[in-house]
Amino acid sequence: STQSTGILRKPMNRTVRGVLVLIGAVLIHITFGVLYCYGNFSTYIASYLRARTSYSDIRFTNTQWILTLTVCGQGTTMVVGGLLERRIGTRFTILIGCAIHTLAAAISYFAIASFYGLIVTYGVLFGFGIGIAYSPAMTLAMKWLPTYKGVVAGSVVAGFGLGAMVFNPIITTFINPDNISPTYAPYPDEPSEKYYKDPENKAILDRVPYCFLVMAGFFIVLQTLGNILIKPLPSEYQDAYEDPEDEEDQFTSLQRDSSDSVGLVQEDECSESTPLQLLKHRDFWILWFTFLCNNQGICYCSTYWKSFGQGFISDDLFLAGVGSAGSIANALSRIIWGGIGDKIGFKVAMCTLQAIFACLYIVMFYATSKWGYAFFVFCLFFCVGGSFSLLPAATIRRFGCANSTANYGLVFTSAVLGSLLNLLILNVTVNAGVSQQHIQWIVAAFLILGLINSAFFKFKGLPCRDRRESNDYRYSSVPYAD
């Protein structure tokens, strides 16, 4: 009787503990989601650099280097996080990532005296911290709650998307409590490009460096709570998590056949592929180029949503609220687009997303009212999240489960290159005097090009053994990376 009682209690204890681990992972990811606050924060950063440093001619297009290198830092260290987790364990890997992330924000208080120093701290190092801790925090929560892997992964990733909802109001309220809009427009050909300046906005500019310390303080609190709640999965639960039919031996023949192939593989079947074998697959390059094109819309939206609105909206708190609403759309869309992809397949879902995304950019310039602008920003962020649901799911379903994290890491390299390409396009077009409307049309053109590319994706099969275990996170449309 005592033994049976203990057996009955074990699942309950594991579930309760798993929920606490999930909450911890969500708290950590909320701090990482401050990345999506950059569109709001960049106005203050650029204004400070112009007014208080030697970079008096710096523009928004220049400061986009910070966000671009954050994405690059995240993309290049995701694999490092996996390697660290194997060597030192999940908890210490997450602690290292959180420490780098928070330290990078804190030392930006000093680094903002130099634009290039800020690029290193709030750009590269900030991204390094996110990349190292991102996947370990999510996968640990899924190990604790194996029955609800899809829900768990969706909750954690939604936390990342909600980061801007939490931190946008904090940034705006701390730096600009009196809701003063920028009025200094130094470029006649771009009247919507406005900055704060001395001495009119001295109090606002004074607070900008301290905002990094405020954010670091919030990071410490949330990440400490998250790490307290996180606990490695005990050895007695390991066997329950592992799928006995999911051993690599089951796919040995598939891997051997794939390694012997030459040229681009085009078979319409689910195969287990290593990262090197992935490069031979035609569908991999289609996914890679799709992400590259989508990233033009993602980067422009993440960076310029606020500066565009400042051209005709003189209410900084309203703009911060729009950014927070956009973060909600970003979070919800990751789950909604994932469900759509499960129902109608990757190709139709992605082409639909890209068509909507492109149409929004084509007509966005005509949204000159406050609420019309808010609607467009909400819809744009709803499209932003879709890529991070549909592409990982397609990668796993097409190329198998054994190397899913590394394989999606290869697909994610297109986001790194795409961010750099977006930065190059914006700098060239702005310096050439191209209007914001025409820049938005260029972004739309990339999305249409991506749509055409996505239409050539041929794989239509179900995920490996998806009929047997349809709720397995490895086949879910919830993303591995952000």
Protein backbone atom coordinates (compact mmCIF):
# COMPACT_ATOMS: atom_id res chain seq x y z
CA SER A 1 0.00 0.00 0.00
CA THR A 2 2.82 2.38 0.90
CA GLN A 3 4.65 1.49 -2.28
CA SER A 4 1.59 2.06 -4.45
CA THR A 5 0.99 5.42 -2.79
CA GLY A 6 4.55 6.45 -3.62
CA ILE A 7 4.05 5.43 -7.23
CA LEU A 8 0.87 7.47 -7.46
CA ARG A 9 2.55 10.53 -5.99
CA LYS A 10 5.53 10.46 -8.33
CA PRO A 11 3.76 11.75 -11.47
CA MET A 12 2.08 14.49 -9.42
CA ASN A 13 5.40 15.59 -7.93
CA ARG A 14 7.01 15.56 -11.34
CA THR A 15 4.19 17.57 -12.87
CA VAL A 16 4.31 20.20 -10.12
CA ARG A 17 8.07 20.41 -10.37
CA GLY A 18 7.83 20.54 -14.15
CA VAL A 19 5.42 23.48 -14.01
CA LEU A 20 7.88 25.34 -11.78
CA VAL A 21 10.70 24.61 -14.22
CA LEU A 22 8.47 25.87 -17.05
CA ILE A 23 7.77 29.11 -15.16
CA GLY A 24 11.51 29.53 -14.62
CA ALA A 25 12.23 29.03 -18.32
CA VAL A 26 9.53 31.53 -19.28
CA LEU A 27 10.95 34.15 -16.88
CA ILE A 28 14.40 33.74 -18.41
CA HIS A 29 13.05 34.00 -21.95
CA ILE A 30 11.11 37.15 -21.09
CA THR A 31 14.44 38.84 -20.33
CA PHE A 32 15.84 37.63 -23.66
CA GLY A 33 12.79 39.08 -25.42
CA VAL A 34 14.02 42.60 -24.66
CA LEU A 35 15.68 42.19 -28.06
CA TYR A 36 12.32 43.23 -29.58
CA CYS A 37 12.41 46.50 -27.60
CA TYR A 38 15.17 47.83 -29.80
CA GLY A 39 12.77 49.64 -32.13
CA ASN A 40 11.59 51.66 -29.13
CA PHE A 41 14.97 52.03 -27.43
CA SER A 42 16.85 53.01 -30.61
CA THR A 43 15.30 56.50 -30.68
CA TYR A 44 16.83 57.28 -27.31
CA ILE A 45 20.14 55.58 -28.09
CA ALA A 46 20.61 57.38 -31.40
CA SER A 47 19.64 60.72 -29.85
CA TYR A 48 22.12 60.24 -27.01
CA LEU A 49 24.95 59.32 -29.36
CA ARG A 50 24.25 62.40 -31.50
CA ALA A 51 24.00 64.79 -28.56
CA ARG A 52 26.54 63.45 -26.04
CA THR A 53 29.29 61.79 -28.07
CA SER A 54 31.46 62.59 -31.05
CA TYR A 55 29.04 60.71 -33.35
CA SER A 56 26.93 63.80 -34.00
CA ASP A 57 25.87 62.69 -37.49
CA ILE A 58 24.81 59.16 -36.59
CA ARG A 59 21.41 58.02 -37.89
CA PHE A 60 18.92 55.25 -37.15
CA THR A 61 20.30 53.21 -40.02
CA ASN A 62 23.72 53.27 -38.36
CA THR A 63 22.43 52.21 -34.96
CA GLN A 64 20.74 49.20 -36.57
CA TRP A 65 24.20 47.60 -36.39
CA ILE A 66 23.45 46.95 -32.72
CA LEU A 67 20.36 44.83 -33.38
CA THR A 68 21.98 43.15 -36.38
CA LEU A 69 24.98 42.01 -34.34
CA THR A 70 22.69 40.86 -31.52
CA VAL A 71 21.04 38.50 -34.00
CA CYS A 72 24.45 37.46 -35.33
CA GLY A 73 25.70 36.80 -31.79
CA GLN A 74 22.65 34.70 -30.98
CA GLY A 75 22.90 32.72 -34.20
CA THR A 76 26.59 31.92 -33.82
CA THR A 77 26.39 30.74 -30.19
CA MET A 78 23.33 28.50 -30.29
CA VAL A 79 25.56 25.54 -31.13
CA VAL A 80 27.97 26.60 -28.36
CA GLY A 81 25.11 26.39 -25.88
CA GLY A 82 24.46 22.80 -26.89
CA LEU A 83 28.12 21.86 -26.53
CA LEU A 84 28.36 23.54 -23.11
CA GLU A 85 25.24 21.76 -21.94
CA ARG A 86 26.84 18.39 -22.71
CA ARG A 87 30.02 19.28 -20.85
CA ILE A 88 28.87 21.21 -17.77
CA GLY A 89 25.15 20.51 -17.57
CA THR A 90 21.96 22.46 -18.28
CA ARG A 91 21.85 24.63 -15.16
CA PHE A 92 25.40 25.97 -15.47
CA THR A 93 24.95 26.58 -19.19
CA ILE A 94 21.85 28.66 -18.52
CA LEU A 95 23.65 30.53 -15.73
CA ILE A 96 26.54 31.38 -18.05
CA GLY A 97 24.20 32.62 -20.76
CA CYS A 98 22.19 34.73 -18.30
CA ALA A 99 25.35 36.16 -16.73
CA ILE A 100 26.74 37.24 -20.11
CA HIS A 101 23.36 38.69 -21.12
CA THR A 102 22.93 40.73 -17.93
CA LEU A 103 26.57 41.82 -17.75
CA ALA A 104 26.43 43.04 -21.35
CA ALA A 105 23.43 45.24 -20.50
CA ALA A 106 25.07 46.59 -17.34
CA ILE A 107 28.41 47.56 -18.90
CA SER A 108 26.56 49.28 -21.73
CA TYR A 109 26.11 52.08 -19.16
CA PHE A 110 29.79 52.82 -19.77
CA ALA A 111 30.00 51.62 -23.37
CA ILE A 112 27.41 54.09 -24.68
CA ALA A 113 30.14 56.74 -24.61
CA SER A 114 31.32 55.04 -27.81
CA PHE A 115 29.12 53.77 -30.62
CA TYR A 116 31.52 50.92 -31.36
CA GLY A 117 31.75 50.03 -27.69
CA LEU A 118 27.96 49.79 -27.57
CA ILE A 119 28.00 47.54 -30.63
CA VAL A 120 30.26 45.13 -28.77
CA THR A 121 28.34 45.13 -25.46
CA TYR A 122 24.66 45.64 -26.33
CA GLY A 123 25.13 43.97 -29.70
CA VAL A 124 27.57 41.05 -29.86
CA LEU A 125 27.85 40.10 -26.16
CA PHE A 126 24.13 40.58 -25.58
CA GLY A 127 23.44 38.14 -28.42
CA PHE A 128 26.03 35.67 -27.13
CA GLY A 129 24.18 35.39 -23.82
CA ILE A 130 20.83 34.79 -25.53
CA GLY A 131 22.26 32.18 -27.87
CA ILE A 132 23.97 30.16 -25.13
CA ALA A 133 20.98 29.89 -22.77
CA TYR A 134 18.07 29.92 -25.23
CA SER A 135 17.68 26.23 -26.15
CA PRO A 136 18.81 24.62 -22.84
CA ALA A 137 16.13 26.48 -20.86
CA MET A 138 13.38 25.40 -23.24
CA THR A 139 14.42 21.77 -23.70
CA LEU A 140 14.82 21.25 -19.93
CA ALA A 141 11.20 22.31 -19.37
CA MET A 142 10.09 19.90 -22.10
CA LYS A 143 12.00 17.04 -20.45
CA TRP A 144 10.14 17.63 -17.19
CA LEU A 145 6.74 17.65 -18.91
CA PRO A 146 7.13 15.16 -21.77
CA THR A 147 3.38 14.71 -22.22
CA TYR A 148 2.93 18.41 -23.00
CA LYS A 149 6.03 19.14 -25.05
CA GLY A 150 4.27 21.27 -27.64
CA VAL A 151 2.46 23.37 -25.04
CA VAL A 152 5.65 23.77 -23.01
CA ALA A 153 7.75 24.85 -25.99
CA GLY A 154 5.01 27.24 -27.12
CA SER A 155 4.79 28.79 -23.66
CA VAL A 156 8.55 29.34 -23.42
CA VAL A 157 8.82 30.86 -26.89
CA ALA A 158 5.78 33.03 -26.23
CA GLY A 159 7.68 34.34 -23.21
CA PHE A 160 10.42 35.49 -25.55
CA GLY A 161 7.85 37.27 -27.69
CA LEU A 162 6.29 38.91 -24.63
CA GLY A 163 9.60 40.43 -23.53
CA ALA A 164 8.83 43.67 -25.34
CA MET A 165 5.44 43.94 -23.63
CA VAL A 166 7.22 43.88 -20.27
CA PHE A 167 10.21 46.09 -21.05
CA ASN A 168 8.86 48.64 -23.55
CA PRO A 169 6.80 50.42 -20.85
CA ILE A 170 9.74 50.22 -18.45
CA ILE A 171 12.13 51.83 -20.93
CA THR A 172 9.71 54.58 -21.97
CA THR A 173 8.47 55.37 -18.46
CA PHE A 174 11.99 55.57 -17.05
CA ILE A 175 13.58 57.64 -19.82
CA ASN A 176 10.59 59.72 -20.86
CA PRO A 177 8.10 59.95 -17.96
CA ASP A 178 6.64 63.21 -19.26
CA ASN A 179 5.77 61.67 -22.64
CA ILE A 180 7.77 64.19 -24.69
CA SER A 181 8.09 63.37 -28.38
CA PRO A 182 11.26 64.13 -30.38
CA THR A 183 11.02 67.24 -32.55
CA TYR A 184 14.51 67.68 -34.02
CA ALA A 185 14.39 66.66 -37.71
CA PRO A 186 17.86 67.34 -39.14
CA TYR A 187 17.17 65.85 -42.58
CA PRO A 188 14.63 67.80 -44.72
CA ASP A 189 14.22 64.86 -47.10
CA GLU A 190 13.22 62.62 -44.15
CA PRO A 191 10.92 64.75 -41.94
CA SER A 192 9.78 61.66 -40.00
CA GLU A 193 13.35 60.97 -38.79
CA LYS A 194 13.32 62.84 -35.49
CA TYR A 195 15.69 62.92 -32.53
CA TYR A 196 15.93 64.37 -29.04
CA LYS A 197 18.58 67.06 -28.55
CA ASP A 198 20.28 69.24 -25.96
CA PRO A 199 19.36 71.42 -24.18
CA GLU A 200 15.62 71.01 -24.88
CA ASN A 201 15.59 67.33 -23.91
CA LYS A 202 18.47 67.28 -21.42
CA ALA A 203 16.57 65.30 -18.76
CA ILE A 204 15.62 62.58 -21.26
CA LEU A 205 19.17 62.22 -22.56
CA ASP A 206 20.57 62.13 -19.03
CA ARG A 207 18.53 59.03 -18.25
CA VAL A 208 19.55 56.96 -21.29
CA PRO A 209 22.75 55.40 -19.84
CA TYR A 210 21.01 54.63 -16.55
CA CYS A 211 18.32 52.72 -18.41
CA PHE A 212 20.86 49.98 -19.11
CA LEU A 213 21.39 49.57 -15.37
CA VAL A 214 17.64 49.52 -14.75
CA MET A 215 17.19 46.77 -17.32
CA ALA A 216 20.13 44.83 -15.88
CA GLY A 217 18.47 45.05 -12.46
CA PHE A 218 15.24 43.58 -13.83
CA PHE A 219 17.24 40.89 -15.62
CA ILE A 220 18.96 39.91 -12.36
CA VAL A 221 15.64 39.59 -10.53
CA LEU A 222 13.83 37.61 -13.25
CA GLN A 223 16.79 35.42 -14.16
CA THR A 224 17.56 34.67 -10.51
CA LEU A 225 13.96 33.58 -9.95
CA GLY A 226 14.10 31.56 -13.14
CA ASN A 227 17.33 29.79 -12.21
CA ILE A 228 16.01 29.03 -8.71
CA LEU A 229 12.97 27.34 -10.24
CA ILE A 230 15.00 25.42 -12.81
CA LYS A 231 16.20 22.00 -11.74
CA PRO A 232 17.92 19.29 -13.81
CA LEU A 233 15.85 16.20 -14.55
CA PRO A 234 16.72 13.45 -12.01
CA SER A 235 18.19 10.23 -13.38
CA GLU A 236 15.12 8.20 -12.40
CA TYR A 237 13.07 10.24 -14.89
CA GLN A 238 15.54 10.04 -17.76
CA ASP A 239 14.26 6.72 -19.04
CA ALA A 240 10.71 8.02 -19.01
CA TYR A 241 11.72 10.94 -21.17
CA GLU A 242 13.69 8.98 -23.72
CA ASP A 243 11.67 7.32 -26.46
CA PRO A 244 12.82 3.70 -26.66
CA GLU A 245 11.97 3.61 -30.34
CA ASP A 246 13.86 6.81 -31.03
CA GLU A 247 17.38 5.42 -30.98
CA GLU A 248 19.77 6.38 -33.74
CA ASP A 249 20.07 2.72 -34.73
CA GLN A 250 16.56 2.89 -36.10
CA PHE A 251 17.76 5.34 -38.72
CA THR A 252 21.20 3.91 -39.45
CA SER A 253 20.24 2.76 -42.90
CA LEU A 254 18.73 6.12 -43.77
CA GLN A 255 21.85 7.95 -42.64
CA ARG A 256 24.08 5.58 -44.55
CA ASP A 257 22.05 6.06 -47.73
CA SER A 258 22.13 9.82 -47.29
CA SER A 259 25.90 9.92 -46.72
CA ASP A 260 26.47 7.99 -49.95
CA SER A 261 24.42 10.39 -52.05
CA VAL A 262 25.87 13.07 -54.27
CA GLY A 263 24.41 16.30 -55.56
CA LEU A 264 21.12 17.77 -54.35
CA VAL A 265 18.75 15.28 -52.73
CA GLN A 266 15.14 15.83 -53.74
CA GLU A 267 13.30 12.73 -52.48
CA ASP A 268 9.85 13.36 -51.08
CA GLU A 269 10.48 11.35 -47.95
CA CYS A 270 11.42 12.05 -44.34
CA SER A 271 15.08 11.19 -43.81
CA GLU A 272 17.54 11.58 -40.97
CA SER A 273 20.22 14.00 -42.16
CA THR A 274 23.38 15.30 -40.54
CA PRO A 275 24.27 18.98 -40.95
CA LEU A 276 26.83 18.16 -43.66
CA GLN A 277 24.34 16.01 -45.53
CA LEU A 278 21.80 18.81 -45.22
CA LEU A 279 23.84 20.99 -47.57
CA LYS A 280 23.12 18.54 -50.39
CA HIS A 281 19.37 18.85 -50.05
CA ARG A 282 17.52 21.16 -52.40
CA ASP A 283 14.78 21.71 -49.83
CA PHE A 284 17.34 22.95 -47.28
CA TRP A 285 18.38 25.77 -49.60
CA ILE A 286 14.74 26.64 -50.23
CA LEU A 287 14.16 26.95 -46.48
CA TRP A 288 17.40 28.89 -46.08
CA PHE A 289 16.53 31.41 -48.81
CA THR A 290 12.96 31.73 -47.50
CA PHE A 291 14.32 32.75 -44.10
CA LEU A 292 16.74 35.17 -45.78
CA CYS A 293 13.88 36.94 -47.59
CA ASN A 294 11.57 36.94 -44.57
CA ASN A 295 14.32 38.44 -42.46
CA GLN A 296 14.13 41.65 -44.49
CA GLY A 297 10.59 42.18 -43.21
CA ILE A 298 11.48 41.02 -39.70
CA CYS A 299 14.47 43.36 -39.33
CA TYR A 300 12.72 46.41 -40.77
CA CYS A 301 9.70 45.93 -38.53
CA SER A 302 11.79 45.29 -35.40
CA THR A 303 13.93 48.39 -35.96
CA TYR A 304 11.77 51.03 -37.66
CA TRP A 305 8.23 50.53 -36.39
CA LYS A 306 8.61 53.42 -33.92
CA SER A 307 10.63 55.87 -35.99
CA PHE A 308 8.05 55.53 -38.79
CA GLY A 309 5.22 56.35 -36.39
CA GLN A 310 7.05 59.34 -34.94
CA GLY A 311 6.62 61.08 -38.29
CA PHE A 312 2.95 61.75 -37.57
CA ILE A 313 2.30 60.69 -33.95
CA SER A 314 3.43 62.98 -31.09
CA ASP A 315 2.68 60.62 -28.21
CA ASP A 316 5.60 58.56 -27.01
CA LEU A 317 3.59 56.56 -24.47
CA PHE A 318 1.11 55.62 -27.20
CA LEU A 319 3.97 54.41 -29.38
CA ALA A 320 5.33 52.34 -26.49
CA GLY A 321 1.87 50.83 -26.08
CA VAL A 322 1.82 49.97 -29.77
CA GLY A 323 5.15 48.20 -29.32
CA SER A 324 3.76 46.21 -26.39
CA ALA A 325 0.70 45.23 -28.43
CA GLY A 326 3.07 44.14 -31.19
CA SER A 327 4.91 41.90 -28.74
CA ILE A 328 1.61 40.21 -27.85
CA ALA A 329 0.98 39.63 -31.56
CA ASN A 330 4.52 38.28 -31.90
CA ALA A 331 3.97 35.81 -29.07
CA LEU A 332 0.51 34.63 -30.15
CA SER A 333 1.46 34.30 -33.80
CA ARG A 334 4.13 31.69 -33.04
CA ILE A 335 1.46 29.34 -31.76
CA ILE A 336 -1.25 30.29 -34.28
CA TRP A 337 0.96 30.04 -37.37
CA GLY A 338 2.31 26.76 -36.05
CA GLY A 339 -1.23 25.39 -35.84
CA ILE A 340 -1.97 26.65 -39.34
CA GLY A 341 1.15 24.91 -40.63
CA ASP A 342 0.06 21.67 -38.98
CA LYS A 343 -3.34 21.88 -40.70
CA ILE A 344 -2.46 22.98 -44.24
CA GLY A 345 1.25 22.22 -44.54
CA PHE A 346 4.38 24.35 -44.65
CA LYS A 347 4.22 25.49 -48.27
CA VAL A 348 0.69 26.90 -48.22
CA ALA A 349 1.11 28.39 -44.75
CA MET A 350 4.43 30.07 -45.55
CA CYS A 351 3.23 31.43 -48.90
CA THR A 352 0.15 32.83 -47.19
CA LEU A 353 2.26 34.47 -44.49
CA GLN A 354 4.62 36.01 -47.06
CA ALA A 355 1.74 37.31 -49.17
CA ILE A 356 0.15 39.03 -46.15
CA PHE A 357 3.54 40.33 -44.99
CA ALA A 358 4.28 41.82 -48.44
CA CYS A 359 0.83 43.42 -48.77
CA LEU A 360 1.21 45.09 -45.37
CA TYR A 361 4.50 46.67 -46.44
CA ILE A 362 3.06 47.80 -49.77
CA VAL A 363 0.20 49.77 -48.18
CA MET A 364 1.66 50.60 -44.76
CA PHE A 365 2.86 54.06 -45.80
CA TYR A 366 -0.77 55.14 -46.25
CA ALA A 367 -1.60 54.42 -42.60
CA THR A 368 -1.41 58.01 -41.32
CA SER A 369 -3.82 57.77 -38.36
CA LYS A 370 -2.83 56.63 -34.87
CA TRP A 371 -5.06 53.58 -34.80
CA GLY A 372 -4.43 52.69 -38.42
CA TYR A 373 -0.71 52.71 -37.68
CA ALA A 374 -1.26 50.61 -34.55
CA PHE A 375 -3.22 48.06 -36.61
CA PHE A 376 -0.43 47.76 -39.17
CA VAL A 377 2.29 47.33 -36.52
CA PHE A 378 0.20 44.65 -34.79
CA CYS A 379 -0.27 42.79 -38.10
CA LEU A 380 3.41 43.11 -39.02
CA PHE A 381 4.52 41.59 -35.72
CA PHE A 382 1.93 38.86 -36.20
CA CYS A 383 3.78 37.95 -39.41
CA VAL A 384 7.19 38.26 -37.72
CA GLY A 385 6.43 35.39 -35.35
CA GLY A 386 5.24 33.06 -38.10
CA SER A 387 8.69 32.41 -39.53
CA PHE A 388 9.93 31.21 -36.15
CA SER A 389 7.17 28.59 -36.03
CA LEU A 390 6.91 27.34 -39.60
CA LEU A 391 10.59 27.07 -40.52
CA PRO A 392 11.77 24.94 -37.56
CA ALA A 393 8.83 22.58 -38.02
CA ALA A 394 9.57 22.20 -41.73
CA THR A 395 13.26 21.57 -40.98
CA ILE A 396 12.47 18.81 -38.48
CA ARG A 397 9.83 17.18 -40.64
CA ARG A 398 11.95 17.21 -43.76
CA PHE A 399 15.34 16.30 -42.30
CA GLY A 400 14.52 14.25 -39.22
CA CYS A 401 14.95 14.43 -35.49
CA ALA A 402 18.39 13.08 -34.63
CA ASN A 403 20.22 16.32 -35.53
CA SER A 404 17.28 18.71 -35.39
CA THR A 405 18.95 21.42 -33.28
CA ALA A 406 22.09 21.55 -35.40
CA ASN A 407 20.11 21.35 -38.63
CA TYR A 408 17.88 24.26 -37.68
CA GLY A 409 21.00 26.11 -36.58
CA LEU A 410 22.17 25.86 -40.20
CA VAL A 411 18.85 27.23 -41.45
CA PHE A 412 19.14 30.02 -38.88
CA THR A 413 22.45 31.15 -40.39
CA SER A 414 20.36 32.78 -43.11
CA ALA A 415 18.95 35.11 -40.43
CA VAL A 416 22.50 36.22 -39.66
CA LEU A 417 23.24 36.95 -43.31
CA GLY A 418 19.75 38.39 -43.79
CA SER A 419 20.28 40.89 -40.96
CA LEU A 420 23.54 42.06 -42.51
CA LEU A 421 21.86 42.32 -45.93
CA ASN A 422 19.00 44.35 -44.46
CA LEU A 423 21.49 46.70 -42.83
CA LEU A 424 23.34 47.16 -46.11
CA ILE A 425 20.13 47.84 -48.06
CA LEU A 426 18.88 50.39 -45.53
CA ASN A 427 22.18 52.25 -45.34
CA VAL A 428 22.52 52.43 -49.13
CA THR A 429 18.92 53.50 -49.72
CA VAL A 430 18.78 56.08 -46.93
CA ASN A 431 22.11 57.62 -47.94
CA ALA A 432 20.83 57.77 -51.53
CA GLY A 433 17.75 59.70 -50.39
CA VAL A 434 15.24 56.90 -51.03
CA SER A 435 11.95 57.55 -49.21
CA GLN A 436 10.57 55.29 -46.48
CA GLN A 437 7.69 54.31 -48.74
CA HIS A 438 10.02 53.03 -51.42
CA ILE A 439 12.17 51.25 -48.84
CA GLN A 440 9.05 49.46 -47.61
CA TRP A 441 8.32 48.45 -51.20
CA ILE A 442 11.84 47.02 -51.50
CA VAL A 443 11.18 44.96 -48.37
CA ALA A 444 7.89 43.79 -49.93
CA ALA A 445 9.78 42.77 -53.08
CA PHE A 446 12.03 40.50 -51.02
CA LEU A 447 8.98 38.91 -49.40
CA ILE A 448 7.41 38.27 -52.79
CA LEU A 449 10.69 36.74 -53.95
CA GLY A 450 10.61 34.54 -50.87
CA LEU A 451 7.04 33.52 -51.66
CA ILE A 452 8.06 32.37 -55.14
CA ASN A 453 10.97 30.47 -53.62
CA SER A 454 8.75 28.80 -50.97
CA ALA A 455 6.40 27.56 -53.67
CA PHE A 456 9.17 25.21 -54.87
CA PHE A 457 9.34 23.37 -51.54
CA LYS A 458 8.39 19.80 -52.52
CA PHE A 459 8.22 17.76 -49.32
CA LYS A 460 4.64 16.85 -48.41
CA GLY A 461 5.13 13.82 -46.17
CA LEU A 462 4.21 13.46 -42.52
CA PRO A 463 6.95 13.68 -39.91
CA CYS A 464 8.84 10.50 -39.09
CA ARG A 465 6.54 8.31 -36.95
CA ASP A 466 4.20 11.31 -36.54
CA ARG A 467 1.20 8.97 -36.70
CA ARG A 468 2.56 7.10 -33.67
CA GLU A 469 3.43 10.09 -31.49
CA SER A 470 1.75 13.19 -32.86
CA ASN A 471 2.27 15.25 -29.69
CA ASP A 472 6.07 14.90 -29.68
CA TYR A 473 7.78 18.30 -29.50
CA ARG A 474 10.26 17.30 -32.15
CA TYR A 475 7.52 17.43 -34.75
CA SER A 476 5.67 20.38 -33.34
CA SER A 477 5.46 23.71 -35.12
CA VAL A 478 6.88 25.42 -32.07
CA PRO A 479 10.34 26.86 -32.79
CA TYR A 480 13.69 25.89 -31.37
CA ALA A 481 15.19 29.34 -31.87
CA ASP A 482 14.09 32.86 -32.03
